[in-house]
Amino acid sequence: MRSFYLIVNREKRNAKQAADLITGFLLEKGCECVCLERNDGMREKDVSAQYRYTDRNMVPPETECVICLGGDGTLIQAARDLAGRRLPLFGINMGHLGYLTQIGREEDIIPAMEELINDHYRLESRMMLNGRVISGGKTVAEDIALNDIVLTRMGIDAFRFNLYVNEQLFNEYSADGMIIATPTGSTAYNLSAGGPIAAPEAELMLLTPICPHTLNSRSIVLAPDNRIRLAVEVKGRTSVSISFDGDTVVNIKSGDQIEIERSRLTTPLIQLKQVPFLENIRNKMKQI
């Protein structure tokens, strides 16, 4: 690799210094490196209709690798913004934990850059989800997610929803919501809600109810080509919404339908370490 694009979340401590270190090293090695400094709290209001944080049109066509300096959130937003361009993403963790990022110590940065330059890496293709909100028979919102699509509520009253799999009624729920996660997102909200961990190279969908009001509601693991539909009934002092990777949020009305399926888009992630998945999870858990 000789051409890099660097996304820097400058809200993260020491991210700017790490960006200067990476840029200086890559330029010294004769590589190209374009740097974008990103600030979650300073997104322009009119930007959201076109992109979230990274304008895909600013990424040079010769780019071979996008380096994300921040945390899992920085990498996930880059994946959503750049979906379809098939640009390999490499994450450097500047936050607390980071399941998706490859390295998190300053002393590991230069060795990692050398590995990328010398093409000592492998690519993992991560599946994504596509979700649509249908209201009054029309699609009113649509987006993609690398981690998860989450139906949730705010308010003191519970709400009900029906889960259909391939147009067959699977279950009726009274709960605080439902998480539909990819294997990548299995270690995020899904894990906190008691859902299973899935190997990232797997292709499947994980459905985990949030605080169900019954004792027999458990997570469901489905093949990736299944089609999910949630039919929502809202009553009382409760508002319901659906979010895509914790970012795009759409308000849901009673009677709305949410359709979720595997996206035709995927996210290519660069992997340097040959650490087994379960060992990596165990090491991350020790940091919590």
C-alpha atoms as a PDB file:
ATOM      1  CA  MET A   1       0.000   0.000   0.000  1.00  0.00           C
ATOM      2  CA  ARG A   2       1.252   3.452  -0.911  1.00  0.00           C
ATOM      3  CA  SER A   3      -1.802   5.716  -0.811  1.00  0.00           C
ATOM      4  CA  PHE A   4      -3.581   6.434   2.483  1.00  0.00           C
ATOM      5  CA  TYR A   5      -6.485   8.544   3.698  1.00  0.00           C
ATOM      6  CA  LEU A   6      -6.463   9.454   7.388  1.00  0.00           C
ATOM      7  CA  ILE A   7      -9.619  10.237   9.386  1.00  0.00           C
ATOM      8  CA  VAL A   8      -8.873  11.851  12.752  1.00  0.00           C
ATOM      9  CA  ASN A   9     -11.459  12.261  15.503  1.00  0.00           C
ATOM     10  CA  ARG A  10      -9.799  15.150  17.322  1.00  0.00           C
ATOM     11  CA  GLU A  11     -12.179  14.807  20.269  1.00  0.00           C
ATOM     12  CA  LYS A  12     -10.070  11.816  21.276  1.00  0.00           C
ATOM     13  CA  ARG A  13      -7.093  12.500  23.509  1.00  0.00           C
ATOM     14  CA  ASN A  14      -3.722  12.425  21.697  1.00  0.00           C
ATOM     15  CA  ALA A  15      -5.389  11.762  18.330  1.00  0.00           C
ATOM     16  CA  LYS A  16      -3.807  14.856  16.749  1.00  0.00           C
ATOM     17  CA  GLN A  17      -0.317  13.825  17.873  1.00  0.00           C
ATOM     18  CA  ALA A  18      -0.846  10.317  16.525  1.00  0.00           C
ATOM     19  CA  ALA A  19      -2.037  11.764  13.207  1.00  0.00           C
ATOM     20  CA  ASP A  20       1.108  13.893  12.914  1.00  0.00           C
ATOM     21  CA  LEU A  21       3.232  10.823  13.682  1.00  0.00           C
ATOM     22  CA  ILE A  22       1.492   8.722  11.006  1.00  0.00           C
ATOM     23  CA  THR A  23       1.503  11.446   8.366  1.00  0.00           C
ATOM     24  CA  GLY A  24       5.171  12.238   8.896  1.00  0.00           C
ATOM     25  CA  PHE A  25       6.205   8.585   8.724  1.00  0.00           C
ATOM     26  CA  LEU A  26       4.185   7.804   5.601  1.00  0.00           C
ATOM     27  CA  LEU A  27       5.426  10.870   3.746  1.00  0.00           C
ATOM     28  CA  GLU A  28       8.989  10.042   4.738  1.00  0.00           C
ATOM     29  CA  LYS A  29       8.511   6.589   3.173  1.00  0.00           C
ATOM     30  CA  GLY A  30       7.339   8.144  -0.076  1.00  0.00           C
ATOM     31  CA  CYS A  31       3.675   7.337   0.448  1.00  0.00           C
ATOM     32  CA  GLU A  32       0.683   9.584  -0.141  1.00  0.00           C
ATOM     33  CA  CYS A  33      -1.368  10.535   2.906  1.00  0.00           C
ATOM     34  CA  VAL A  34      -4.396  12.835   2.876  1.00  0.00           C
ATOM     35  CA  CYS A  35      -5.638  13.791   6.346  1.00  0.00           C
ATOM     36  CA  LEU A  36      -9.176  14.716   7.395  1.00  0.00           C
ATOM     37  CA  GLU A  37      -9.703  15.967  10.934  1.00  0.00           C
ATOM     38  CA  ARG A  38     -13.147  15.035  12.163  1.00  0.00           C
ATOM     39  CA  ASN A  39     -15.049  16.458  15.116  1.00  0.00           C
ATOM     40  CA  ASP A  40     -18.228  14.697  16.198  1.00  0.00           C
ATOM     41  CA  GLY A  41     -19.538  17.800  17.906  1.00  0.00           C
ATOM     42  CA  MET A  42     -19.048  20.138  14.956  1.00  0.00           C
ATOM     43  CA  ARG A  43     -20.914  18.454  12.111  1.00  0.00           C
ATOM     44  CA  GLU A  44     -22.566  20.962   9.807  1.00  0.00           C
ATOM     45  CA  LYS A  45     -26.375  20.821   9.905  1.00  0.00           C
ATOM     46  CA  ASP A  46     -26.739  20.595   6.124  1.00  0.00           C
ATOM     47  CA  VAL A  47     -24.186  17.803   5.850  1.00  0.00           C
ATOM     48  CA  SER A  48     -26.355  14.967   7.180  1.00  0.00           C
ATOM     49  CA  ALA A  49     -28.382  14.738   3.969  1.00  0.00           C
ATOM     50  CA  GLN A  50     -25.234  13.873   1.995  1.00  0.00           C
ATOM     51  CA  TYR A  51     -22.888  12.196   4.453  1.00  0.00           C
ATOM     52  CA  ARG A  52     -22.381  11.844   8.200  1.00  0.00           C
ATOM     53  CA  TYR A  53     -18.760  12.705   8.933  1.00  0.00           C
ATOM     54  CA  THR A  54     -16.672  11.727   5.910  1.00  0.00           C
ATOM     55  CA  ASP A  55     -17.395  13.127   2.459  1.00  0.00           C
ATOM     56  CA  ARG A  56     -16.686  10.173   0.170  1.00  0.00           C
ATOM     57  CA  ASN A  57     -16.054  12.595  -2.703  1.00  0.00           C
ATOM     58  CA  MET A  58     -13.024  13.982  -0.846  1.00  0.00           C
ATOM     59  CA  VAL A  59     -11.316  10.582  -0.698  1.00  0.00           C
ATOM     60  CA  PRO A  60      -8.890  10.397  -3.658  1.00  0.00           C
ATOM     61  CA  PRO A  61      -9.718   7.605  -6.139  1.00  0.00           C
ATOM     62  CA  GLU A  62      -6.209   6.138  -5.793  1.00  0.00           C
ATOM     63  CA  THR A  63      -6.653   5.590  -2.030  1.00  0.00           C
ATOM     64  CA  GLU A  64      -5.757   2.043  -0.980  1.00  0.00           C
ATOM     65  CA  CYS A  65      -6.390   2.287   2.774  1.00  0.00           C
ATOM     66  CA  VAL A  66      -8.437   4.482   5.118  1.00  0.00           C
ATOM     67  CA  ILE A  67      -6.895   4.820   8.579  1.00  0.00           C
ATOM     68  CA  CYS A  68      -9.392   5.768  11.301  1.00  0.00           C
ATOM     69  CA  LEU A  69      -7.927   7.428  14.396  1.00  0.00           C
ATOM     70  CA  GLY A  70     -10.450   7.473  17.213  1.00  0.00           C
ATOM     71  CA  GLY A  71     -12.392   4.446  18.359  1.00  0.00           C
ATOM     72  CA  ASP A  72     -15.027   1.987  17.198  1.00  0.00           C
ATOM     73  CA  GLY A  73     -17.466   4.833  16.591  1.00  0.00           C
ATOM     74  CA  THR A  74     -15.050   6.618  14.274  1.00  0.00           C
ATOM     75  CA  LEU A  75     -14.495   3.465  12.255  1.00  0.00           C
ATOM     76  CA  ILE A  76     -18.205   2.610  12.096  1.00  0.00           C
ATOM     77  CA  GLN A  77     -19.128   6.054  10.790  1.00  0.00           C
ATOM     78  CA  ALA A  78     -16.378   5.833   8.183  1.00  0.00           C
ATOM     79  CA  ALA A  79     -17.740   2.448   7.117  1.00  0.00           C
ATOM     80  CA  ARG A  80     -21.226   3.911   6.676  1.00  0.00           C
ATOM     81  CA  ASP A  81     -20.044   6.999   4.815  1.00  0.00           C
ATOM     82  CA  LEU A  82     -17.724   5.086   2.509  1.00  0.00           C
ATOM     83  CA  ALA A  83     -19.961   2.055   1.967  1.00  0.00           C
ATOM     84  CA  GLY A  84     -19.825   0.894  -1.612  1.00  0.00           C
ATOM     85  CA  ARG A  85     -16.332   2.193  -2.347  1.00  0.00           C
ATOM     86  CA  ARG A  86     -14.764  -1.027  -1.053  1.00  0.00           C
ATOM     87  CA  LEU A  87     -11.959   0.846   0.680  1.00  0.00           C
ATOM     88  CA  PRO A  88     -10.145  -1.221   3.345  1.00  0.00           C
ATOM     89  CA  LEU A  89     -10.431   0.364   6.793  1.00  0.00           C
ATOM     90  CA  PHE A  90      -7.793   0.212   9.509  1.00  0.00           C
ATOM     91  CA  GLY A  91      -8.722   1.370  13.013  1.00  0.00           C
ATOM     92  CA  ILE A  92      -6.394   2.795  15.660  1.00  0.00           C
ATOM     93  CA  ASN A  93      -8.018   3.046  19.074  1.00  0.00           C
ATOM     94  CA  MET A  94      -7.626   6.350  20.891  1.00  0.00           C
ATOM     95  CA  GLY A  95     -10.467   5.626  23.306  1.00  0.00           C
ATOM     96  CA  HIS A  96     -11.195   3.185  26.124  1.00  0.00           C
ATOM     97  CA  LEU A  97     -11.885  -0.240  24.618  1.00  0.00           C
ATOM     98  CA  GLY A  98     -12.310  -0.726  20.879  1.00  0.00           C
ATOM     99  CA  TYR A  99     -13.333  -4.150  19.546  1.00  0.00           C
ATOM    100  CA  LEU A 100     -12.922  -3.140  15.898  1.00  0.00           C
ATOM    101  CA  THR A 101      -9.674  -1.223  16.102  1.00  0.00           C
ATOM    102  CA  GLN A 102      -6.401  -3.096  15.628  1.00  0.00           C
ATOM    103  CA  ILE A 103      -3.978  -1.214  17.878  1.00  0.00           C
ATOM    104  CA  GLY A 104      -4.214   1.230  20.766  1.00  0.00           C
ATOM    105  CA  ARG A 105      -0.674   2.002  21.936  1.00  0.00           C
ATOM    106  CA  GLU A 106       1.511   4.738  20.470  1.00  0.00           C
ATOM    107  CA  GLU A 107       4.513   2.421  20.271  1.00  0.00           C
ATOM    108  CA  ASP A 108       2.534   0.099  17.979  1.00  0.00           C
ATOM    109  CA  ILE A 109       1.678   2.761  15.396  1.00  0.00           C
ATOM    110  CA  ILE A 110       4.908   2.846  13.372  1.00  0.00           C
ATOM    111  CA  PRO A 111       5.281  -0.983  13.238  1.00  0.00           C
ATOM    112  CA  ALA A 112       1.666  -1.156  12.037  1.00  0.00           C
ATOM    113  CA  MET A 113       2.333   1.402   9.307  1.00  0.00           C
ATOM    114  CA  GLU A 114       5.342  -0.626   8.168  1.00  0.00           C
ATOM    115  CA  GLU A 115       3.152  -3.731   7.922  1.00  0.00           C
ATOM    116  CA  LEU A 116       0.620  -1.859   5.785  1.00  0.00           C
ATOM    117  CA  ILE A 117       3.297  -0.459   3.473  1.00  0.00           C
ATOM    118  CA  ASN A 118       4.772  -3.939   3.016  1.00  0.00           C
ATOM    119  CA  ASP A 119       1.327  -5.494   2.401  1.00  0.00           C
ATOM    120  CA  HIS A 120       1.579  -7.743   5.460  1.00  0.00           C
ATOM    121  CA  TYR A 121      -2.115  -7.926   6.305  1.00  0.00           C
ATOM    122  CA  ARG A 122      -5.314  -9.749   5.522  1.00  0.00           C
ATOM    123  CA  LEU A 123      -8.800  -8.447   4.740  1.00  0.00           C
ATOM    124  CA  GLU A 124     -12.020  -9.410   6.492  1.00  0.00           C
ATOM    125  CA  SER A 125     -15.312  -8.703   4.751  1.00  0.00           C
ATOM    126  CA  ARG A 126     -17.948  -7.712   7.329  1.00  0.00           C
ATOM    127  CA  MET A 127     -21.630  -7.969   6.477  1.00  0.00           C
ATOM    128  CA  MET A 128     -23.938  -4.973   6.928  1.00  0.00           C
ATOM    129  CA  LEU A 129     -27.678  -4.545   7.433  1.00  0.00           C
ATOM    130  CA  ASN A 130     -30.196  -2.513   5.489  1.00  0.00           C
ATOM    131  CA  GLY A 131     -33.288  -1.168   7.219  1.00  0.00           C
ATOM    132  CA  ARG A 132     -36.432   0.576   5.967  1.00  0.00           C
ATOM    133  CA  VAL A 133     -39.185   2.353   7.895  1.00  0.00           C
ATOM    134  CA  ILE A 134     -42.582   2.032   6.222  1.00  0.00           C
ATOM    135  CA  SER A 135     -45.355   4.376   7.314  1.00  0.00           C
ATOM    136  CA  GLY A 136     -48.713   4.564   5.607  1.00  0.00           C
ATOM    137  CA  GLY A 137     -47.534   2.110   2.984  1.00  0.00           C
ATOM    138  CA  LYS A 138     -44.571   4.285   1.959  1.00  0.00           C
ATOM    139  CA  THR A 139     -40.858   4.045   2.757  1.00  0.00           C
ATOM    140  CA  VAL A 140     -40.118   7.151   4.849  1.00  0.00           C
ATOM    141  CA  ALA A 141     -36.534   6.305   5.891  1.00  0.00           C
ATOM    142  CA  GLU A 142     -33.797   3.891   4.871  1.00  0.00           C
ATOM    143  CA  ASP A 143     -30.221   3.380   6.043  1.00  0.00           C
ATOM    144  CA  ILE A 144     -27.450   0.837   6.567  1.00  0.00           C
ATOM    145  CA  ALA A 145     -25.625  -0.404   9.654  1.00  0.00           C
ATOM    146  CA  LEU A 146     -22.360  -2.195  10.322  1.00  0.00           C
ATOM    147  CA  ASN A 147     -23.089  -2.916  13.999  1.00  0.00           C
ATOM    148  CA  ASP A 148     -26.813  -2.944  14.629  1.00  0.00           C
ATOM    149  CA  ILE A 149     -30.276  -1.567  14.040  1.00  0.00           C
ATOM    150  CA  VAL A 150     -32.073  -0.925  17.338  1.00  0.00           C
ATOM    151  CA  LEU A 151     -35.761  -0.421  18.038  1.00  0.00           C
ATOM    152  CA  THR A 152     -36.176   1.257  21.420  1.00  0.00           C
ATOM    153  CA  ARG A 153     -38.507   3.355  23.541  1.00  0.00           C
ATOM    154  CA  MET A 154     -38.460   6.404  25.791  1.00  0.00           C
ATOM    155  CA  GLY A 155     -41.169   6.823  28.391  1.00  0.00           C
ATOM    156  CA  ILE A 156     -42.750   4.986  31.282  1.00  0.00           C
ATOM    157  CA  ASP A 157     -45.148   2.785  29.320  1.00  0.00           C
ATOM    158  CA  ALA A 158     -44.067  -0.361  27.505  1.00  0.00           C
ATOM    159  CA  PHE A 159     -44.909  -0.912  23.880  1.00  0.00           C
ATOM    160  CA  ARG A 160     -45.726  -3.980  21.848  1.00  0.00           C
ATOM    161  CA  PHE A 161     -44.380  -5.204  18.562  1.00  0.00           C
ATOM    162  CA  ASN A 162     -44.655  -8.310  16.446  1.00  0.00           C
ATOM    163  CA  LEU A 163     -41.642 -10.002  14.874  1.00  0.00           C
ATOM    164  CA  TYR A 164     -42.063 -11.566  11.438  1.00  0.00           C
ATOM    165  CA  VAL A 165     -39.394 -13.708   9.783  1.00  0.00           C
ATOM    166  CA  ASN A 166     -39.905 -14.155   6.039  1.00  0.00           C
ATOM    167  CA  GLU A 167     -43.477 -12.894   6.558  1.00  0.00           C
ATOM    168  CA  GLN A 168     -44.201 -15.605   9.127  1.00  0.00           C
ATOM    169  CA  LEU A 169     -45.145 -14.400  12.616  1.00  0.00           C
ATOM    170  CA  PHE A 170     -42.436 -15.554  15.022  1.00  0.00           C
ATOM    171  CA  ASN A 171     -43.382 -13.863  18.289  1.00  0.00           C
ATOM    172  CA  GLU A 172     -45.256 -11.028  19.947  1.00  0.00           C
ATOM    173  CA  TYR A 173     -43.224  -8.889  22.330  1.00  0.00           C
ATOM    174  CA  SER A 174     -43.882  -6.493  25.158  1.00  0.00           C
ATOM    175  CA  ALA A 175     -40.421  -5.088  25.820  1.00  0.00           C
ATOM    176  CA  ASP A 176     -38.222  -2.013  25.800  1.00  0.00           C
ATOM    177  CA  GLY A 177     -37.128  -2.792  22.253  1.00  0.00           C
ATOM    178  CA  MET A 178     -35.204  -5.125  19.982  1.00  0.00           C
ATOM    179  CA  ILE A 179     -31.587  -5.236  18.758  1.00  0.00           C
ATOM    180  CA  ILE A 180     -30.881  -6.629  15.305  1.00  0.00           C
ATOM    181  CA  ALA A 181     -27.101  -7.041  15.145  1.00  0.00           C
ATOM    182  CA  THR A 182     -24.459  -8.321  12.765  1.00  0.00           C
ATOM    183  CA  PRO A 183     -21.577 -10.483  14.035  1.00  0.00           C
ATOM    184  CA  THR A 184     -19.513  -7.271  14.117  1.00  0.00           C
ATOM    185  CA  GLY A 185     -22.127  -5.706  16.400  1.00  0.00           C
ATOM    186  CA  SER A 186     -22.479  -8.784  18.600  1.00  0.00           C
ATOM    187  CA  THR A 187     -19.939  -7.324  21.069  1.00  0.00           C
ATOM    188  CA  ALA A 188     -21.740  -3.963  21.276  1.00  0.00           C
ATOM    189  CA  TYR A 189     -25.263  -3.283  22.615  1.00  0.00           C
ATOM    190  CA  ASN A 190     -26.231  -6.879  21.842  1.00  0.00           C
ATOM    191  CA  LEU A 191     -23.656  -8.140  24.346  1.00  0.00           C
ATOM    192  CA  SER A 192     -24.768  -5.676  27.027  1.00  0.00           C
ATOM    193  CA  ALA A 193     -28.367  -6.846  26.578  1.00  0.00           C
ATOM    194  CA  GLY A 194     -27.387 -10.476  27.143  1.00  0.00           C
ATOM    195  CA  GLY A 195     -27.088 -11.529  23.520  1.00  0.00           C
ATOM    196  CA  PRO A 196     -24.544 -14.028  22.167  1.00  0.00           C
ATOM    197  CA  ILE A 197     -21.090 -13.219  20.810  1.00  0.00           C
ATOM    198  CA  ALA A 198     -20.525 -14.233  17.200  1.00  0.00           C
ATOM    199  CA  ALA A 199     -17.253 -14.643  15.338  1.00  0.00           C
ATOM    200  CA  PRO A 200     -16.808 -11.602  13.070  1.00  0.00           C
ATOM    201  CA  GLU A 201     -16.302 -13.650   9.905  1.00  0.00           C
ATOM    202  CA  ALA A 202     -19.670 -15.364  10.412  1.00  0.00           C
ATOM    203  CA  GLU A 203     -22.622 -14.306   8.305  1.00  0.00           C
ATOM    204  CA  LEU A 204     -25.784 -14.203  10.381  1.00  0.00           C
ATOM    205  CA  MET A 205     -28.241 -11.916  12.156  1.00  0.00           C
ATOM    206  CA  LEU A 206     -28.667 -11.750  15.926  1.00  0.00           C
ATOM    207  CA  LEU A 207     -32.011 -10.638  17.360  1.00  0.00           C
ATOM    208  CA  THR A 208     -31.969  -9.768  21.060  1.00  0.00           C
ATOM    209  CA  PRO A 209     -35.005  -8.324  22.885  1.00  0.00           C
ATOM    210  CA  ILE A 210     -34.293  -5.460  25.296  1.00  0.00           C
ATOM    211  CA  CYS A 211     -35.728  -6.037  28.779  1.00  0.00           C
ATOM    212  CA  PRO A 212     -38.598  -8.286  27.618  1.00  0.00           C
ATOM    213  CA  HIS A 213     -41.559  -8.469  29.987  1.00  0.00           C
ATOM    214  CA  THR A 214     -41.654 -12.277  29.812  1.00  0.00           C
ATOM    215  CA  LEU A 215     -39.299 -14.977  31.034  1.00  0.00           C
ATOM    216  CA  ASN A 216     -39.236 -16.983  27.803  1.00  0.00           C
ATOM    217  CA  SER A 217     -37.884 -14.314  25.431  1.00  0.00           C
ATOM    218  CA  ARG A 218     -34.363 -15.132  24.302  1.00  0.00           C
ATOM    219  CA  SER A 219     -31.994 -14.091  21.558  1.00  0.00           C
ATOM    220  CA  ILE A 220     -32.525 -15.555  18.103  1.00  0.00           C
ATOM    221  CA  VAL A 221     -29.789 -16.389  15.599  1.00  0.00           C
ATOM    222  CA  LEU A 222     -30.872 -16.343  11.945  1.00  0.00           C
ATOM    223  CA  ALA A 223     -29.216 -17.043   8.625  1.00  0.00           C
ATOM    224  CA  PRO A 224     -28.196 -13.837   6.809  1.00  0.00           C
ATOM    225  CA  ASP A 225     -30.700 -14.159   3.957  1.00  0.00           C
ATOM    226  CA  ASN A 226     -33.765 -14.043   6.192  1.00  0.00           C
ATOM    227  CA  ARG A 227     -36.007 -10.984   6.007  1.00  0.00           C
ATOM    228  CA  ILE A 228     -37.100  -9.384   9.265  1.00  0.00           C
ATOM    229  CA  ARG A 229     -40.189  -7.255   9.810  1.00  0.00           C
ATOM    230  CA  LEU A 230     -41.206  -5.495  13.014  1.00  0.00           C
ATOM    231  CA  ALA A 231     -44.788  -4.226  13.339  1.00  0.00           C
ATOM    232  CA  VAL A 232     -45.057  -1.630  16.111  1.00  0.00           C
ATOM    233  CA  GLU A 233     -47.975  -0.713  18.381  1.00  0.00           C
ATOM    234  CA  VAL A 234     -47.443   2.362  20.583  1.00  0.00           C
ATOM    235  CA  LYS A 235     -49.776   3.448  23.370  1.00  0.00           C
ATOM    236  CA  GLY A 236     -49.652   5.772  26.362  1.00  0.00           C
ATOM    237  CA  ARG A 237     -46.770   8.002  27.388  1.00  0.00           C
ATOM    238  CA  THR A 238     -44.089   6.378  25.295  1.00  0.00           C
ATOM    239  CA  SER A 239     -42.175   7.417  22.212  1.00  0.00           C
ATOM    240  CA  VAL A 240     -40.485   4.843  19.993  1.00  0.00           C
ATOM    241  CA  SER A 241     -37.558   5.231  17.606  1.00  0.00           C
ATOM    242  CA  ILE A 242     -35.190   3.154  15.533  1.00  0.00           C
ATOM    243  CA  SER A 243     -31.471   3.872  15.241  1.00  0.00           C
ATOM    244  CA  PHE A 244     -28.809   2.755  12.772  1.00  0.00           C
ATOM    245  CA  ASP A 245     -25.427   2.186  14.411  1.00  0.00           C
ATOM    246  CA  GLY A 246     -26.487   4.555  17.187  1.00  0.00           C
ATOM    247  CA  ASP A 247     -26.402   7.514  14.796  1.00  0.00           C
ATOM    248  CA  THR A 248     -29.320   7.952  12.407  1.00  0.00           C
ATOM    249  CA  VAL A 249     -32.513   8.020  14.497  1.00  0.00           C
ATOM    250  CA  VAL A 250     -36.035   7.791  13.067  1.00  0.00           C
ATOM    251  CA  ASN A 251     -39.188   8.308  15.132  1.00  0.00           C
ATOM    252  CA  ILE A 252     -41.707   5.476  14.885  1.00  0.00           C
ATOM    253  CA  LYS A 253     -45.488   5.826  15.043  1.00  0.00           C
ATOM    254  CA  SER A 254     -48.036   3.184  15.957  1.00  0.00           C
ATOM    255  CA  GLY A 255     -48.718   1.058  12.912  1.00  0.00           C
ATOM    256  CA  ASP A 256     -45.323   1.636  11.312  1.00  0.00           C
ATOM    257  CA  GLN A 257     -43.351  -1.300   9.938  1.00  0.00           C
ATOM    258  CA  ILE A 258     -39.578  -1.793  10.007  1.00  0.00           C
ATOM    259  CA  GLU A 259     -38.094  -4.122   7.400  1.00  0.00           C
ATOM    260  CA  ILE A 260     -34.514  -5.355   7.882  1.00  0.00           C
ATOM    261  CA  GLU A 261     -32.382  -7.541   5.651  1.00  0.00           C
ATOM    262  CA  ARG A 262     -28.797  -8.173   4.747  1.00  0.00           C
ATOM    263  CA  SER A 263     -27.269  -5.287   2.819  1.00  0.00           C
ATOM    264  CA  ARG A 264     -25.626  -5.881  -0.546  1.00  0.00           C
ATOM    265  CA  LEU A 265     -22.796  -3.686   0.783  1.00  0.00           C
ATOM    266  CA  THR A 266     -19.955  -4.984   2.945  1.00  0.00           C
ATOM    267  CA  THR A 267     -17.153  -3.371   4.931  1.00  0.00           C
ATOM    268  CA  PRO A 268     -13.562  -4.562   4.325  1.00  0.00           C
ATOM    269  CA  LEU A 269     -11.488  -4.362   7.530  1.00  0.00           C
ATOM    270  CA  ILE A 270      -7.707  -4.747   7.642  1.00  0.00           C
ATOM    271  CA  GLN A 271      -6.377  -7.265  10.138  1.00  0.00           C
ATOM    272  CA  LEU A 272      -2.704  -7.361  11.115  1.00  0.00           C
ATOM    273  CA  LYS A 273      -2.627  -9.562  14.167  1.00  0.00           C
ATOM    274  CA  GLN A 274      -3.178 -13.281  13.929  1.00  0.00           C
ATOM    275  CA  VAL A 275      -4.737 -13.360  17.391  1.00  0.00           C
ATOM    276  CA  PRO A 276      -7.603 -15.883  17.627  1.00  0.00           C
ATOM    277  CA  PHE A 277     -11.018 -14.239  17.949  1.00  0.00           C
ATOM    278  CA  LEU A 278     -11.834 -15.706  21.366  1.00  0.00           C
ATOM    279  CA  GLU A 279      -8.438 -14.694  22.750  1.00  0.00           C
ATOM    280  CA  ASN A 280      -8.976 -11.149  21.499  1.00  0.00           C
ATOM    281  CA  ILE A 281     -12.413 -11.014  23.159  1.00  0.00           C
ATOM    282  CA  ARG A 282     -10.965 -12.320  26.421  1.00  0.00           C
ATOM    283  CA  ASN A 283      -8.249  -9.648  26.389  1.00  0.00           C
ATOM    284  CA  LYS A 284     -10.800  -6.903  25.686  1.00  0.00           C
ATOM    285  CA  MET A 285     -13.061  -8.107  28.494  1.00  0.00           C
ATOM    286  CA  LYS A 286     -10.200  -7.758  30.966  1.00  0.00           C
ATOM    287  CA  GLN A 287     -10.116  -4.018  30.219  1.00  0.00           C
ATOM    288  CA  ILE A 288     -13.726  -3.446  31.248  1.00  0.00           C
END
